[in-house]
Amino acid sequence: MQNFIERAVIVTKGDVLQIPPLPTRMMSRTEPVTLRDAERDHILKALEESNWVVGGLHGAAARLGGARTPLIDKVRKRGLTRDSDGS
């Protein structure tokens, strides 16, 4: 819910809050997922939601409940980039 409201505030232009469309269905994997893959996907989602801002009050590290430096290390170690597709 918090992410939905934050996204609404971010995409709103002007004084009236614009509600972004809700996802029509949840994406789910049918094959087993490793912990490493799940962590990678989770980090990537947080980075996308924060527009690739890592530090600060609304950055990806804060969204994940951690510190900026360890997150930067994980991003580098996993080779995550803005054009990562999550696969």
PDB file of N, CA and C in Angstrom:
ATOM      1  N   MET A   1       0.822  -1.178   0.000  1.00  0.00           N
ATOM      2  CA  MET A   1       0.000   0.000   0.000  1.00  0.00           C
ATOM      3  C   MET A   1       0.873   1.250   0.000  1.00  0.00           C
ATOM      4  N   GLN A   2       1.921   1.251   0.837  1.00  0.00           N
ATOM      5  CA  GLN A   2       2.803   2.412   0.900  1.00  0.00           C
ATOM      6  C   GLN A   2       3.457   2.670  -0.461  1.00  0.00           C
ATOM      7  N   ASN A   3       3.938   1.612  -1.105  1.00  0.00           N
ATOM      8  CA  ASN A   3       4.561   1.775  -2.425  1.00  0.00           C
ATOM      9  C   ASN A   3       3.573   2.318  -3.442  1.00  0.00           C
ATOM     10  N   PHE A   4       2.322   1.865  -3.379  1.00  0.00           N
ATOM     11  CA  PHE A   4       1.288   2.328  -4.296  1.00  0.00           C
ATOM     12  C   PHE A   4       1.056   3.824  -4.114  1.00  0.00           C
ATOM     13  N   ILE A   5       0.965   4.265  -2.873  1.00  0.00           N
ATOM     14  CA  ILE A   5       0.744   5.688  -2.587  1.00  0.00           C
ATOM     15  C   ILE A   5       1.963   6.510  -3.005  1.00  0.00           C
ATOM     16  N   GLU A   6       3.166   6.008  -2.701  1.00  0.00           N
ATOM     17  CA  GLU A   6       4.378   6.718  -3.107  1.00  0.00           C
ATOM     18  C   GLU A   6       4.434   6.859  -4.625  1.00  0.00           C
ATOM     19  N   ARG A   7       4.112   5.799  -5.342  1.00  0.00           N
ATOM     20  CA  ARG A   7       4.112   5.859  -6.798  1.00  0.00           C
ATOM     21  C   ARG A   7       3.089   6.877  -7.292  1.00  0.00           C
ATOM     22  N   ALA A   8       1.914   6.927  -6.675  1.00  0.00           N
ATOM     23  CA  ALA A   8       0.892   7.904  -7.061  1.00  0.00           C
ATOM     24  C   ALA A   8       1.413   9.324  -6.885  1.00  0.00           C
ATOM     25  N   VAL A   9       2.104   9.575  -5.781  1.00  0.00           N
ATOM     26  CA  VAL A   9       2.662  10.906  -5.539  1.00  0.00           C
ATOM     27  C   VAL A   9       3.716  11.236  -6.589  1.00  0.00           C
ATOM     28  N   ILE A  10       4.555  10.252  -6.945  1.00  0.00           N
ATOM     29  CA  ILE A  10       5.628  10.482  -7.915  1.00  0.00           C
ATOM     30  C   ILE A  10       5.075  10.782  -9.302  1.00  0.00           C
ATOM     31  N   VAL A  11       4.064  10.040  -9.743  1.00  0.00           N
ATOM     32  CA  VAL A  11       3.561  10.214 -11.111  1.00  0.00           C
ATOM     33  C   VAL A  11       2.576  11.364 -11.244  1.00  0.00           C
ATOM     34  N   THR A  12       2.116  11.909 -10.135  1.00  0.00           N
ATOM     35  CA  THR A  12       1.143  12.998 -10.190  1.00  0.00           C
ATOM     36  C   THR A  12       1.808  14.290 -10.623  1.00  0.00           C
ATOM     37  N   LYS A  13       1.181  14.939 -11.572  1.00  0.00           N
ATOM     38  CA  LYS A  13       1.613  16.263 -12.002  1.00  0.00           C
ATOM     39  C   LYS A  13       0.469  17.206 -11.670  1.00  0.00           C
ATOM     40  N   GLY A  14       0.742  18.197 -10.874  1.00  0.00           N
ATOM     41  CA  GLY A  14      -0.297  19.131 -10.488  1.00  0.00           C
ATOM     42  C   GLY A  14      -0.739  18.890  -9.057  1.00  0.00           C
ATOM     43  N   ASP A  15      -1.899  19.438  -8.714  1.00  0.00           N
ATOM     44  CA  ASP A  15      -2.388  19.407  -7.340  1.00  0.00           C
ATOM     45  C   ASP A  15      -3.311  18.237  -7.015  1.00  0.00           C
ATOM     46  N   VAL A  16      -3.781  17.520  -8.028  1.00  0.00           N
ATOM     47  CA  VAL A  16      -4.713  16.418  -7.802  1.00  0.00           C
ATOM     48  C   VAL A  16      -3.968  15.097  -7.936  1.00  0.00           C
ATOM     49  N   LEU A  17      -4.037  14.273  -6.897  1.00  0.00           N
ATOM     50  CA  LEU A  17      -3.350  12.985  -6.888  1.00  0.00           C
ATOM     51  C   LEU A  17      -3.913  12.076  -7.976  1.00  0.00           C
ATOM     52  N   GLN A  18      -3.031  11.582  -8.845  1.00  0.00           N
ATOM     53  CA  GLN A  18      -3.423  10.670  -9.920  1.00  0.00           C
ATOM     54  C   GLN A  18      -3.092   9.247  -9.489  1.00  0.00           C
ATOM     55  N   ILE A  19      -4.053   8.366  -9.531  1.00  0.00           N
ATOM     56  CA  ILE A  19      -3.874   6.982  -9.117  1.00  0.00           C
ATOM     57  C   ILE A  19      -3.382   6.164 -10.312  1.00  0.00           C
ATOM     58  N   PRO A  20      -2.186   5.540 -10.197  1.00  0.00           N
ATOM     59  CA  PRO A  20      -1.703   4.714 -11.311  1.00  0.00           C
ATOM     60  C   PRO A  20      -2.552   3.447 -11.432  1.00  0.00           C
ATOM     61  N   PRO A  21      -2.606   2.867 -12.617  1.00  0.00           N
ATOM     62  CA  PRO A  21      -3.404   1.645 -12.784  1.00  0.00           C
ATOM     63  C   PRO A  21      -2.844   0.500 -11.954  1.00  0.00           C
ATOM     64  N   LEU A  22      -3.747  -0.300 -11.428  1.00  0.00           N
ATOM     65  CA  LEU A  22      -3.338  -1.482 -10.665  1.00  0.00           C
ATOM     66  C   LEU A  22      -2.920  -2.585 -11.625  1.00  0.00           C
ATOM     67  N   PRO A  23      -1.968  -3.418 -11.209  1.00  0.00           N
ATOM     68  CA  PRO A  23      -1.600  -4.540 -12.078  1.00  0.00           C
ATOM     69  C   PRO A  23      -2.806  -5.450 -12.293  1.00  0.00           C
ATOM     70  N   THR A  24      -2.931  -5.966 -13.509  1.00  0.00           N
ATOM     71  CA  THR A  24      -4.075  -6.813 -13.816  1.00  0.00           C
ATOM     72  C   THR A  24      -3.915  -8.232 -13.287  1.00  0.00           C
ATOM     73  N   ARG A  25      -2.663  -8.652 -13.141  1.00  0.00           N
ATOM     74  CA  ARG A  25      -2.423  -9.987 -12.588  1.00  0.00           C
ATOM     75  C   ARG A  25      -1.044 -10.004 -11.963  1.00  0.00           C
ATOM     76  N   MET A  26      -0.850 -10.914 -11.046  1.00  0.00           N
ATOM     77  CA  MET A  26       0.445 -11.061 -10.383  1.00  0.00           C
ATOM     78  C   MET A  26       1.314 -11.996 -11.204  1.00  0.00           C
ATOM     79  N   MET A  27       2.561 -11.610 -11.371  1.00  0.00           N
ATOM     80  CA  MET A  27       3.502 -12.475 -12.064  1.00  0.00           C
ATOM     81  C   MET A  27       3.988 -13.530 -11.078  1.00  0.00           C
ATOM     82  N   SER A  28       3.961 -14.766 -11.485  1.00  0.00           N
ATOM     83  CA  SER A  28       4.465 -15.822 -10.615  1.00  0.00           C
ATOM     84  C   SER A  28       5.309 -16.781 -11.439  1.00  0.00           C
ATOM     85  N   ARG A  29       6.318 -17.309 -10.795  1.00  0.00           N
ATOM     86  CA  ARG A  29       7.193 -18.269 -11.458  1.00  0.00           C
ATOM     87  C   ARG A  29       6.691 -19.675 -11.153  1.00  0.00           C
ATOM     88  N   THR A  30       6.790 -20.527 -12.131  1.00  0.00           N
ATOM     89  CA  THR A  30       6.387 -21.917 -11.907  1.00  0.00           C
ATOM     90  C   THR A  30       7.586 -22.783 -11.566  1.00  0.00           C
ATOM     91  N   GLU A  31       8.786 -22.351 -11.975  1.00  0.00           N
ATOM     92  CA  GLU A  31       9.974 -23.124 -11.673  1.00  0.00           C
ATOM     93  C   GLU A  31      10.552 -22.696 -10.325  1.00  0.00           C
ATOM     94  N   PRO A  32      11.333 -23.555  -9.680  1.00  0.00           N
ATOM     95  CA  PRO A  32      11.937 -23.188  -8.402  1.00  0.00           C
ATOM     96  C   PRO A  32      12.855 -21.975  -8.554  1.00  0.00           C
ATOM     97  N   VAL A  33      12.909 -21.165  -7.524  1.00  0.00           N
ATOM     98  CA  VAL A  33      13.728 -19.959  -7.526  1.00  0.00           C
ATOM     99  C   VAL A  33      14.780 -20.098  -6.431  1.00  0.00           C
ATOM    100  N   THR A  34      16.017 -19.786  -6.783  1.00  0.00           N
ATOM    101  CA  THR A  34      17.059 -19.820  -5.770  1.00  0.00           C
ATOM    102  C   THR A  34      16.968 -18.565  -4.907  1.00  0.00           C
ATOM    103  N   LEU A  35      17.530 -18.633  -3.724  1.00  0.00           N
ATOM    104  CA  LEU A  35      17.561 -17.475  -2.843  1.00  0.00           C
ATOM    105  C   LEU A  35      18.328 -16.342  -3.508  1.00  0.00           C
ATOM    106  N   ARG A  36      19.401 -16.667  -4.194  1.00  0.00           N
ATOM    107  CA  ARG A  36      20.202 -15.656  -4.904  1.00  0.00           C
ATOM    108  C   ARG A  36      19.370 -14.943  -5.978  1.00  0.00           C
ATOM    109  N   ASP A  37      18.597 -15.720  -6.753  1.00  0.00           N
ATOM    110  CA  ASP A  37      17.742 -15.121  -7.785  1.00  0.00           C
ATOM    111  C   ASP A  37      16.636 -14.269  -7.166  1.00  0.00           C
ATOM    112  N   ALA A  38      16.053 -14.750  -6.074  1.00  0.00           N
ATOM    113  CA  ALA A  38      14.992 -13.993  -5.404  1.00  0.00           C
ATOM    114  C   ALA A  38      15.541 -12.676  -4.866  1.00  0.00           C
ATOM    115  N   GLU A  39      16.737 -12.718  -4.281  1.00  0.00           N
ATOM    116  CA  GLU A  39      17.352 -11.490  -3.761  1.00  0.00           C
ATOM    117  C   GLU A  39      17.656 -10.525  -4.907  1.00  0.00           C
ATOM    118  N   ARG A  40      18.175 -11.053  -6.006  1.00  0.00           N
ATOM    119  CA  ARG A  40      18.489 -10.223  -7.176  1.00  0.00           C
ATOM    120  C   ARG A  40      17.233  -9.528  -7.687  1.00  0.00           C
ATOM    121  N   ASP A  41      16.150 -10.274  -7.837  1.00  0.00           N
ATOM    122  CA  ASP A  41      14.891  -9.701  -8.313  1.00  0.00           C
ATOM    123  C   ASP A  41      14.354  -8.645  -7.350  1.00  0.00           C
ATOM    124  N   HIS A  42      14.489  -8.903  -6.062  1.00  0.00           N
ATOM    125  CA  HIS A  42      14.012  -7.973  -5.038  1.00  0.00           C
ATOM    126  C   HIS A  42      14.815  -6.667  -5.075  1.00  0.00           C
ATOM    127  N   ILE A  43      16.117  -6.791  -5.205  1.00  0.00           N
ATOM    128  CA  ILE A  43      16.975  -5.610  -5.303  1.00  0.00           C
ATOM    129  C   ILE A  43      16.641  -4.827  -6.570  1.00  0.00           C
ATOM    130  N   LEU A  44      16.498  -5.529  -7.671  1.00  0.00           N
ATOM    131  CA  LEU A  44      16.192  -4.874  -8.944  1.00  0.00           C
ATOM    132  C   LEU A  44      14.868  -4.116  -8.869  1.00  0.00           C
ATOM    133  N   LYS A  45      13.877  -4.722  -8.249  1.00  0.00           N
ATOM    134  CA  LYS A  45      12.574  -4.057  -8.106  1.00  0.00           C
ATOM    135  C   LYS A  45      12.702  -2.787  -7.261  1.00  0.00           C
ATOM    136  N   ALA A  46      13.444  -2.863  -6.156  1.00  0.00           N
ATOM    137  CA  ALA A  46      13.637  -1.686  -5.303  1.00  0.00           C
ATOM    138  C   ALA A  46      14.375  -0.587  -6.057  1.00  0.00           C
ATOM    139  N   LEU A  47      15.366  -0.950  -6.850  1.00  0.00           N
ATOM    140  CA  LEU A  47      16.091   0.035  -7.639  1.00  0.00           C
ATOM    141  C   LEU A  47      15.184   0.698  -8.669  1.00  0.00           C
ATOM    142  N   GLU A  48      14.361  -0.091  -9.326  1.00  0.00           N
ATOM    143  CA  GLU A  48      13.434   0.468 -10.320  1.00  0.00           C
ATOM    144  C   GLU A  48      12.423   1.394  -9.662  1.00  0.00           C
ATOM    145  N   GLU A  49      11.903   0.990  -8.498  1.00  0.00           N
ATOM    146  CA  GLU A  49      10.909   1.809  -7.804  1.00  0.00           C
ATOM    147  C   GLU A  49      11.498   3.119  -7.292  1.00  0.00           C
ATOM    148  N   SER A  50      12.808   3.133  -7.031  1.00  0.00           N
ATOM    149  CA  SER A  50      13.454   4.352  -6.550  1.00  0.00           C
ATOM    150  C   SER A  50      14.152   5.110  -7.687  1.00  0.00           C
ATOM    151  N   ASN A  51      13.872   4.706  -8.917  1.00  0.00           N
ATOM    152  CA  ASN A  51      14.491   5.317 -10.098  1.00  0.00           C
ATOM    153  C   ASN A  51      16.016   5.248 -10.007  1.00  0.00           C
ATOM    154  N   TRP A  52      16.513   4.147  -9.490  1.00  0.00           N
ATOM    155  CA  TRP A  52      17.930   3.848  -9.357  1.00  0.00           C
ATOM    156  C   TRP A  52      18.660   4.778  -8.407  1.00  0.00           C
ATOM    157  N   VAL A  53      17.925   5.386  -7.486  1.00  0.00           N
ATOM    158  CA  VAL A  53      18.544   6.140  -6.398  1.00  0.00           C
ATOM    159  C   VAL A  53      18.806   5.126  -5.295  1.00  0.00           C
ATOM    160  N   VAL A  54      20.063   4.987  -4.879  1.00  0.00           N
ATOM    161  CA  VAL A  54      20.428   3.963  -3.907  1.00  0.00           C
ATOM    162  C   VAL A  54      20.307   4.478  -2.481  1.00  0.00           C
ATOM    163  N   GLY A  55      20.887   5.652  -2.204  1.00  0.00           N
ATOM    164  CA  GLY A  55      20.895   6.187  -0.845  1.00  0.00           C
ATOM    165  C   GLY A  55      19.768   7.167  -0.603  1.00  0.00           C
ATOM    166  N   GLY A  56      19.748   7.684   0.607  1.00  0.00           N
ATOM    167  CA  GLY A  56      18.746   8.683   0.959  1.00  0.00           C
ATOM    168  C   GLY A  56      17.497   8.066   1.551  1.00  0.00           C
ATOM    169  N   LEU A  57      16.630   8.934   1.988  1.00  0.00           N
ATOM    170  CA  LEU A  57      15.409   8.521   2.691  1.00  0.00           C
ATOM    171  C   LEU A  57      14.486   7.647   1.843  1.00  0.00           C
ATOM    172  N   HIS A  58      14.433   7.905   0.532  1.00  0.00           N
ATOM    173  CA  HIS A  58      13.525   7.154  -0.339  1.00  0.00           C
ATOM    174  C   HIS A  58      14.264   6.293  -1.354  1.00  0.00           C
ATOM    175  N   GLY A  59      15.561   6.095  -1.123  1.00  0.00           N
ATOM    176  CA  GLY A  59      16.360   5.286  -2.033  1.00  0.00           C
ATOM    177  C   GLY A  59      16.113   3.800  -1.854  1.00  0.00           C
ATOM    178  N   ALA A  60      16.716   3.020  -2.732  1.00  0.00           N
ATOM    179  CA  ALA A  60      16.532   1.571  -2.722  1.00  0.00           C
ATOM    180  C   ALA A  60      16.999   0.941  -1.416  1.00  0.00           C
ATOM    181  N   ALA A  61      18.112   1.427  -0.860  1.00  0.00           N
ATOM    182  CA  ALA A  61      18.622   0.851   0.392  1.00  0.00           C
ATOM    183  C   ALA A  61      17.604   1.029   1.514  1.00  0.00           C
ATOM    184  N   ALA A  62      17.002   2.202   1.604  1.00  0.00           N
ATOM    185  CA  ALA A  62      15.988   2.442   2.637  1.00  0.00           C
ATOM    186  C   ALA A  62      14.771   1.555   2.408  1.00  0.00           C
ATOM    187  N   ARG A  63      14.373   1.378   1.167  1.00  0.00           N
ATOM    188  CA  ARG A  63      13.219   0.517   0.846  1.00  0.00           C
ATOM    189  C   ARG A  63      13.487  -0.928   1.255  1.00  0.00           C
ATOM    190  N   LEU A  64      14.751  -1.324   1.151  1.00  0.00           N
ATOM    191  CA  LEU A  64      15.109  -2.698   1.498  1.00  0.00           C
ATOM    192  C   LEU A  64      15.470  -2.854   2.969  1.00  0.00           C
ATOM    193  N   GLY A  65      15.512  -1.753   3.695  1.00  0.00           N
ATOM    194  CA  GLY A  65      15.808  -1.814   5.121  1.00  0.00           C
ATOM    195  C   GLY A  65      17.275  -2.016   5.434  1.00  0.00           C
ATOM    196  N   GLY A  66      18.138  -1.553   4.540  1.00  0.00           N
ATOM    197  CA  GLY A  66      19.569  -1.734   4.755  1.00  0.00           C
ATOM    198  C   GLY A  66      20.339  -0.464   4.498  1.00  0.00           C
ATOM    199  N   ALA A  67      21.653  -0.602   4.477  1.00  0.00           N
ATOM    200  CA  ALA A  67      22.538   0.530   4.250  1.00  0.00           C
ATOM    201  C   ALA A  67      22.937   0.618   2.774  1.00  0.00           C
ATOM    202  N   ARG A  68      23.357   1.785   2.381  1.00  0.00           N
ATOM    203  CA  ARG A  68      23.711   2.071   0.993  1.00  0.00           C
ATOM    204  C   ARG A  68      24.933   1.275   0.518  1.00  0.00           C
ATOM    205  N   THR A  69      25.996   1.257   1.295  1.00  0.00           N
ATOM    206  CA  THR A  69      27.246   0.624   0.858  1.00  0.00           C
ATOM    207  C   THR A  69      27.098  -0.882   0.590  1.00  0.00           C
ATOM    208  N   PRO A  70      26.480  -1.663   1.491  1.00  0.00           N
ATOM    209  CA  PRO A  70      26.303  -3.091   1.176  1.00  0.00           C
ATOM    210  C   PRO A  70      25.421  -3.317  -0.053  1.00  0.00           C
ATOM    211  N   LEU A  71      24.431  -2.444  -0.262  1.00  0.00           N
ATOM    212  CA  LEU A  71      23.580  -2.597  -1.443  1.00  0.00           C
ATOM    213  C   LEU A  71      24.384  -2.328  -2.711  1.00  0.00           C
ATOM    214  N   ILE A  72      25.219  -1.308  -2.700  1.00  0.00           N
ATOM    215  CA  ILE A  72      26.069  -1.020  -3.860  1.00  0.00           C
ATOM    216  C   ILE A  72      26.959  -2.218  -4.162  1.00  0.00           C
ATOM    217  N   ASP A  73      27.525  -2.841  -3.129  1.00  0.00           N
ATOM    218  CA  ASP A  73      28.361  -4.026  -3.323  1.00  0.00           C
ATOM    219  C   ASP A  73      27.567  -5.162  -3.973  1.00  0.00           C
ATOM    220  N   LYS A  74      26.335  -5.377  -3.512  1.00  0.00           N
ATOM    221  CA  LYS A  74      25.506  -6.448  -4.084  1.00  0.00           C
ATOM    222  C   LYS A  74      25.134  -6.145  -5.533  1.00  0.00           C
ATOM    223  N   VAL A  75      24.830  -4.892  -5.826  1.00  0.00           N
ATOM    224  CA  VAL A  75      24.484  -4.502  -7.195  1.00  0.00           C
ATOM    225  C   VAL A  75      25.673  -4.777  -8.122  1.00  0.00           C
ATOM    226  N   ARG A  76      26.855  -4.391  -7.697  1.00  0.00           N
ATOM    227  CA  ARG A  76      28.061  -4.630  -8.505  1.00  0.00           C
ATOM    228  C   ARG A  76      28.345  -6.124  -8.654  1.00  0.00           C
ATOM    229  N   LYS A  77      28.250  -6.859  -7.540  1.00  0.00           N
ATOM    230  CA  LYS A  77      28.546  -8.289  -7.553  1.00  0.00           C
ATOM    231  C   LYS A  77      27.617  -9.050  -8.498  1.00  0.00           C
ATOM    232  N   ARG A  78      26.360  -8.637  -8.558  1.00  0.00           N
ATOM    233  CA  ARG A  78      25.373  -9.314  -9.406  1.00  0.00           C
ATOM    234  C   ARG A  78      25.284  -8.721 -10.808  1.00  0.00           C
ATOM    235  N   GLY A  79      26.051  -7.656 -11.061  1.00  0.00           N
ATOM    236  CA  GLY A  79      26.075  -7.054 -12.390  1.00  0.00           C
ATOM    237  C   GLY A  79      24.769  -6.399 -12.784  1.00  0.00           C
ATOM    238  N   LEU A  80      24.036  -5.883 -11.811  1.00  0.00           N
ATOM    239  CA  LEU A  80      22.759  -5.244 -12.115  1.00  0.00           C
ATOM    240  C   LEU A  80      22.979  -3.886 -12.751  1.00  0.00           C
ATOM    241  N   THR A  81      22.236  -3.620 -13.807  1.00  0.00           N
ATOM    242  CA  THR A  81      22.285  -2.333 -14.500  1.00  0.00           C
ATOM    243  C   THR A  81      20.863  -1.898 -14.802  1.00  0.00           C
ATOM    244  N   ARG A  82      20.725  -0.649 -15.205  1.00  0.00           N
ATOM    245  CA  ARG A  82      19.387  -0.138 -15.528  1.00  0.00           C
ATOM    246  C   ARG A  82      18.697  -0.949 -16.622  1.00  0.00           C
ATOM    247  N   ASP A  83      19.451  -1.563 -17.492  1.00  0.00           N
ATOM    248  CA  ASP A  83      18.843  -2.355 -18.549  1.00  0.00           C
ATOM    249  C   ASP A  83      18.722  -3.838 -18.188  1.00  0.00           C
ATOM    250  N   SER A  84      18.926  -4.178 -16.890  1.00  0.00           N
ATOM    251  CA  SER A  84      18.685  -5.561 -16.435  1.00  0.00           C
ATOM    252  C   SER A  84      17.204  -5.855 -16.599  1.00  0.00           C
ATOM    253  N   ASP A  85      16.894  -7.034 -17.086  1.00  0.00           N
ATOM    254  CA  ASP A  85      15.490  -7.370 -17.317  1.00  0.00           C
ATOM    255  C   ASP A  85      14.895  -8.250 -16.243  1.00  0.00           C
ATOM    256  N   GLY A  86      15.632  -8.518 -15.187  1.00  0.00           N
ATOM    257  CA  GLY A  86      15.094  -9.329 -14.110  1.00  0.00           C
ATOM    258  C   GLY A  86      15.221 -10.816 -14.328  1.00  0.00           C
ATOM    259  N   SER A  87      15.763 -11.235 -15.474  1.00  0.00           N
ATOM    260  CA  SER A  87      15.901 -12.678 -15.721  1.00  0.00           C
ATOM    261  C   SER A  87      17.306 -13.130 -15.469  1.00  0.00           C
TER     262      SER A  87
END
